[in-house]
Amino acid sequence: MATSKRVFTLRLEENNFEKIKFIADKNKRSIAMQIEYLIEKHIEEYEKTKGVIQIND
């Protein structure tokens, strides 16, 4: 299955990794999908207060 998602390395403190893993398990998500979900939610909240982020393609 092809994807257009970018791949990058993320270094986390062990404690944060374990907590995200715990939350991901509870939500039946992979760790990567949980992190992506959290980032998307943060962007939504940011844009609600600061305005839409314009991305130049």
C-alpha atoms as a PDB file:
ATOM      1  CA  MET A   1       0.000   0.000   0.000  1.00  0.00           C
ATOM      2  CA  ALA A   2       1.566   3.278  -1.122  1.00  0.00           C
ATOM      3  CA  THR A   3       1.342   6.350   1.057  1.00  0.00           C
ATOM      4  CA  SER A   4       2.141  10.018   0.605  1.00  0.00           C
ATOM      5  CA  LYS A   5       3.146  10.421   4.250  1.00  0.00           C
ATOM      6  CA  ARG A   6       6.654  11.648   5.031  1.00  0.00           C
ATOM      7  CA  VAL A   7       8.909   9.501   7.148  1.00  0.00           C
ATOM      8  CA  PHE A   8      11.124  11.010   9.848  1.00  0.00           C
ATOM      9  CA  THR A   9      12.782  10.012  13.095  1.00  0.00           C
ATOM     10  CA  LEU A  10      11.302  11.212  16.376  1.00  0.00           C
ATOM     11  CA  ARG A  11      13.219  10.921  19.614  1.00  0.00           C
ATOM     12  CA  LEU A  12      11.146  10.850  22.793  1.00  0.00           C
ATOM     13  CA  GLU A  13      11.918  10.618  26.458  1.00  0.00           C
ATOM     14  CA  GLU A  14      11.193   7.061  27.615  1.00  0.00           C
ATOM     15  CA  ASN A  15       8.452   8.257  29.971  1.00  0.00           C
ATOM     16  CA  ASN A  16       6.628  10.148  27.196  1.00  0.00           C
ATOM     17  CA  PHE A  17       6.945   7.187  24.830  1.00  0.00           C
ATOM     18  CA  GLU A  18       5.417   4.802  27.369  1.00  0.00           C
ATOM     19  CA  LYS A  19       2.547   7.197  28.079  1.00  0.00           C
ATOM     20  CA  ILE A  20       1.785   7.643  24.371  1.00  0.00           C
ATOM     21  CA  LYS A  21       1.957   3.856  23.927  1.00  0.00           C
ATOM     22  CA  PHE A  22      -0.534   3.459  26.789  1.00  0.00           C
ATOM     23  CA  ILE A  23      -2.948   5.973  25.219  1.00  0.00           C
ATOM     24  CA  ALA A  24      -2.510   4.420  21.756  1.00  0.00           C
ATOM     25  CA  ASP A  25      -3.352   0.976  23.127  1.00  0.00           C
ATOM     26  CA  LYS A  26      -6.484   2.340  24.822  1.00  0.00           C
ATOM     27  CA  ASN A  27      -7.548   3.964  21.522  1.00  0.00           C
ATOM     28  CA  LYS A  28      -6.659   0.854  19.476  1.00  0.00           C
ATOM     29  CA  ARG A  29      -4.133   2.846  17.441  1.00  0.00           C
ATOM     30  CA  SER A  30      -0.502   2.333  16.606  1.00  0.00           C
ATOM     31  CA  ILE A  31       1.923   4.661  18.332  1.00  0.00           C
ATOM     32  CA  ALA A  32       2.559   6.438  15.016  1.00  0.00           C
ATOM     33  CA  MET A  33      -1.152   6.959  14.398  1.00  0.00           C
ATOM     34  CA  GLN A  34      -1.655   8.226  17.962  1.00  0.00           C
ATOM     35  CA  ILE A  35       1.134  10.767  17.528  1.00  0.00           C
ATOM     36  CA  GLU A  36      -0.325  11.838  14.177  1.00  0.00           C
ATOM     37  CA  TYR A  37      -3.765  12.226  15.801  1.00  0.00           C
ATOM     38  CA  LEU A  38      -2.311  14.355  18.616  1.00  0.00           C
ATOM     39  CA  ILE A  39      -0.479  16.576  16.135  1.00  0.00           C
ATOM     40  CA  GLU A  40      -3.634  17.039  14.034  1.00  0.00           C
ATOM     41  CA  LYS A  41      -5.644  17.999  17.130  1.00  0.00           C
ATOM     42  CA  HIS A  42      -2.982  20.480  18.211  1.00  0.00           C
ATOM     43  CA  ILE A  43      -2.936  22.077  14.748  1.00  0.00           C
ATOM     44  CA  GLU A  44      -6.743  22.378  14.817  1.00  0.00           C
ATOM     45  CA  GLU A  45      -6.627  24.114  18.204  1.00  0.00           C
ATOM     46  CA  TYR A  46      -3.806  26.407  17.104  1.00  0.00           C
ATOM     47  CA  GLU A  47      -5.698  27.440  13.968  1.00  0.00           C
ATOM     48  CA  LYS A  48      -8.867  28.116  15.969  1.00  0.00           C
ATOM     49  CA  THR A  49      -7.066  30.758  18.007  1.00  0.00           C
ATOM     50  CA  LYS A  50      -4.359  32.010  15.621  1.00  0.00           C
ATOM     51  CA  GLY A  51      -5.947  31.538  12.197  1.00  0.00           C
ATOM     52  CA  VAL A  52      -5.391  29.088   9.391  1.00  0.00           C
ATOM     53  CA  ILE A  53      -1.776  28.287   8.594  1.00  0.00           C
ATOM     54  CA  GLN A  54      -1.113  28.959   4.921  1.00  0.00           C
ATOM     55  CA  ILE A  55       1.158  26.414   3.247  1.00  0.00           C
ATOM     56  CA  ASN A  56       2.854  27.290  -0.042  1.00  0.00           C
ATOM     57  CA  ASP A  57       2.986  24.293  -2.373  1.00  0.00           C
END
